[in-house]
Amino acid sequence: MRCRAKDLRRRNAVEESFLSFADVSLSPAAATAIFVLAVLAGYRYRRVWKTEGPRWQAWLFGAVAGICLLALGFFPLDIG
């Protein structure tokens, strides 16, 4: 019984030390900056793709645009 209580205390301490997803939100300025970054990266991705440029650049710009859009989709906006 003692070990179980010790494990629970240790687990609670670890859970409290990490930032909870519920505590993360984007300010309107940060969301705007991320959106502009996504648009610019998407524009560069399309440009590299149309000119059949280096594949690594297409992957880089596409990944940046995708990550930015996923962040905007999954992190709540802090209004107020």
C-alpha atoms as a PDB file:
ATOM      1  CA  MET A   1       0.000   0.000   0.000  1.00  0.00           C
ATOM      2  CA  ARG A   2       2.863   2.338   0.775  1.00  0.00           C
ATOM      3  CA  CYS A   3       4.430   1.926  -2.659  1.00  0.00           C
ATOM      4  CA  ARG A   4       1.170   2.698  -4.384  1.00  0.00           C
ATOM      5  CA  ALA A   5       0.734   5.969  -2.476  1.00  0.00           C
ATOM      6  CA  LYS A   6       4.326   6.918  -3.264  1.00  0.00           C
ATOM      7  CA  ASP A   7       3.780   6.187  -6.958  1.00  0.00           C
ATOM      8  CA  LEU A   8       0.627   8.302  -6.995  1.00  0.00           C
ATOM      9  CA  ARG A   9       2.433  11.248  -5.411  1.00  0.00           C
ATOM     10  CA  ARG A  10       5.269  10.946  -7.902  1.00  0.00           C
ATOM     11  CA  ARG A  11       2.851  10.711 -10.831  1.00  0.00           C
ATOM     12  CA  ASN A  12       0.908  13.781  -9.633  1.00  0.00           C
ATOM     13  CA  ALA A  13       4.130  15.752  -9.264  1.00  0.00           C
ATOM     14  CA  VAL A  14       5.152  14.856 -12.827  1.00  0.00           C
ATOM     15  CA  GLU A  15       1.719  15.748 -14.213  1.00  0.00           C
ATOM     16  CA  GLU A  16       1.773  19.112 -12.444  1.00  0.00           C
ATOM     17  CA  SER A  17       5.244  19.948 -13.721  1.00  0.00           C
ATOM     18  CA  PHE A  18       4.210  19.719 -17.381  1.00  0.00           C
ATOM     19  CA  LEU A  19       2.220  22.476 -19.034  1.00  0.00           C
ATOM     20  CA  SER A  20      -1.350  21.366 -19.446  1.00  0.00           C
ATOM     21  CA  PHE A  21      -2.885  21.602 -22.920  1.00  0.00           C
ATOM     22  CA  ALA A  22      -5.851  23.410 -21.399  1.00  0.00           C
ATOM     23  CA  ASP A  23      -3.531  26.227 -20.292  1.00  0.00           C
ATOM     24  CA  VAL A  24      -2.223  26.914 -23.816  1.00  0.00           C
ATOM     25  CA  SER A  25      -3.957  29.506 -25.958  1.00  0.00           C
ATOM     26  CA  LEU A  26      -2.959  31.896 -28.732  1.00  0.00           C
ATOM     27  CA  SER A  27      -3.242  35.642 -28.512  1.00  0.00           C
ATOM     28  CA  PRO A  28      -4.779  37.343 -31.549  1.00  0.00           C
ATOM     29  CA  ALA A  29      -1.384  38.813 -32.477  1.00  0.00           C
ATOM     30  CA  ALA A  30       0.336  35.409 -32.294  1.00  0.00           C
ATOM     31  CA  ALA A  31      -2.454  33.791 -34.307  1.00  0.00           C
ATOM     32  CA  THR A  32      -2.139  36.507 -36.958  1.00  0.00           C
ATOM     33  CA  ALA A  33       1.637  36.035 -37.129  1.00  0.00           C
ATOM     34  CA  ILE A  34       1.264  32.255 -37.471  1.00  0.00           C
ATOM     35  CA  PHE A  35      -1.374  32.721 -40.179  1.00  0.00           C
ATOM     36  CA  VAL A  36       0.869  35.104 -42.142  1.00  0.00           C
ATOM     37  CA  LEU A  37       3.749  32.626 -41.812  1.00  0.00           C
ATOM     38  CA  ALA A  38       1.485  29.835 -43.108  1.00  0.00           C
ATOM     39  CA  VAL A  39       0.406  31.945 -46.101  1.00  0.00           C
ATOM     40  CA  LEU A  40       3.985  32.892 -46.977  1.00  0.00           C
ATOM     41  CA  ALA A  41       5.216  29.313 -46.611  1.00  0.00           C
ATOM     42  CA  GLY A  42       2.308  28.066 -48.736  1.00  0.00           C
ATOM     43  CA  TYR A  43       3.111  30.625 -51.399  1.00  0.00           C
ATOM     44  CA  ARG A  44       6.764  29.512 -51.441  1.00  0.00           C
ATOM     45  CA  TYR A  45       5.685  25.861 -51.549  1.00  0.00           C
ATOM     46  CA  ARG A  46       3.503  26.513 -54.594  1.00  0.00           C
ATOM     47  CA  ARG A  47       6.275  28.460 -56.296  1.00  0.00           C
ATOM     48  CA  VAL A  48       8.813  25.652 -55.791  1.00  0.00           C
ATOM     49  CA  TRP A  49       6.269  23.069 -56.904  1.00  0.00           C
ATOM     50  CA  LYS A  50       5.314  24.955 -60.099  1.00  0.00           C
ATOM     51  CA  THR A  51       8.945  25.515 -61.130  1.00  0.00           C
ATOM     52  CA  GLU A  52       9.808  21.907 -60.224  1.00  0.00           C
ATOM     53  CA  GLY A  53      12.526  23.131 -57.911  1.00  0.00           C
ATOM     54  CA  PRO A  54      14.387  21.128 -55.278  1.00  0.00           C
ATOM     55  CA  ARG A  55      12.148  18.640 -53.515  1.00  0.00           C
ATOM     56  CA  TRP A  56      13.635  19.402 -50.115  1.00  0.00           C
ATOM     57  CA  GLN A  57      12.441  23.004 -50.414  1.00  0.00           C
ATOM     58  CA  ALA A  58       8.940  21.869 -51.287  1.00  0.00           C
ATOM     59  CA  TRP A  59       8.933  19.557 -48.278  1.00  0.00           C
ATOM     60  CA  LEU A  60      10.295  22.281 -46.016  1.00  0.00           C
ATOM     61  CA  PHE A  61       7.803  24.968 -47.029  1.00  0.00           C
ATOM     62  CA  GLY A  62       4.917  22.505 -47.113  1.00  0.00           C
ATOM     63  CA  ALA A  63       5.750  21.219 -43.631  1.00  0.00           C
ATOM     64  CA  VAL A  64       6.012  24.745 -42.230  1.00  0.00           C
ATOM     65  CA  ALA A  65       2.666  25.714 -43.748  1.00  0.00           C
ATOM     66  CA  GLY A  66       1.026  22.504 -42.522  1.00  0.00           C
ATOM     67  CA  ILE A  67       2.360  22.842 -38.974  1.00  0.00           C
ATOM     68  CA  CYS A  68       1.227  26.466 -38.802  1.00  0.00           C
ATOM     69  CA  LEU A  69      -2.274  25.595 -39.978  1.00  0.00           C
ATOM     70  CA  LEU A  70      -2.502  22.666 -37.567  1.00  0.00           C
ATOM     71  CA  ALA A  71      -1.443  24.941 -34.714  1.00  0.00           C
ATOM     72  CA  LEU A  72      -4.136  27.440 -35.665  1.00  0.00           C
ATOM     73  CA  GLY A  73      -6.698  24.668 -35.865  1.00  0.00           C
ATOM     74  CA  PHE A  74      -5.935  22.974 -32.561  1.00  0.00           C
ATOM     75  CA  PHE A  75      -4.859  25.754 -30.180  1.00  0.00           C
ATOM     76  CA  PRO A  76      -7.710  27.916 -28.893  1.00  0.00           C
ATOM     77  CA  LEU A  77      -7.712  31.652 -29.491  1.00  0.00           C
ATOM     78  CA  ASP A  78      -7.571  33.780 -26.346  1.00  0.00           C
ATOM     79  CA  ILE A  79     -10.136  36.524 -26.868  1.00  0.00           C
ATOM     80  CA  GLY A  80     -10.652  38.967 -24.091  1.00  0.00           C
END
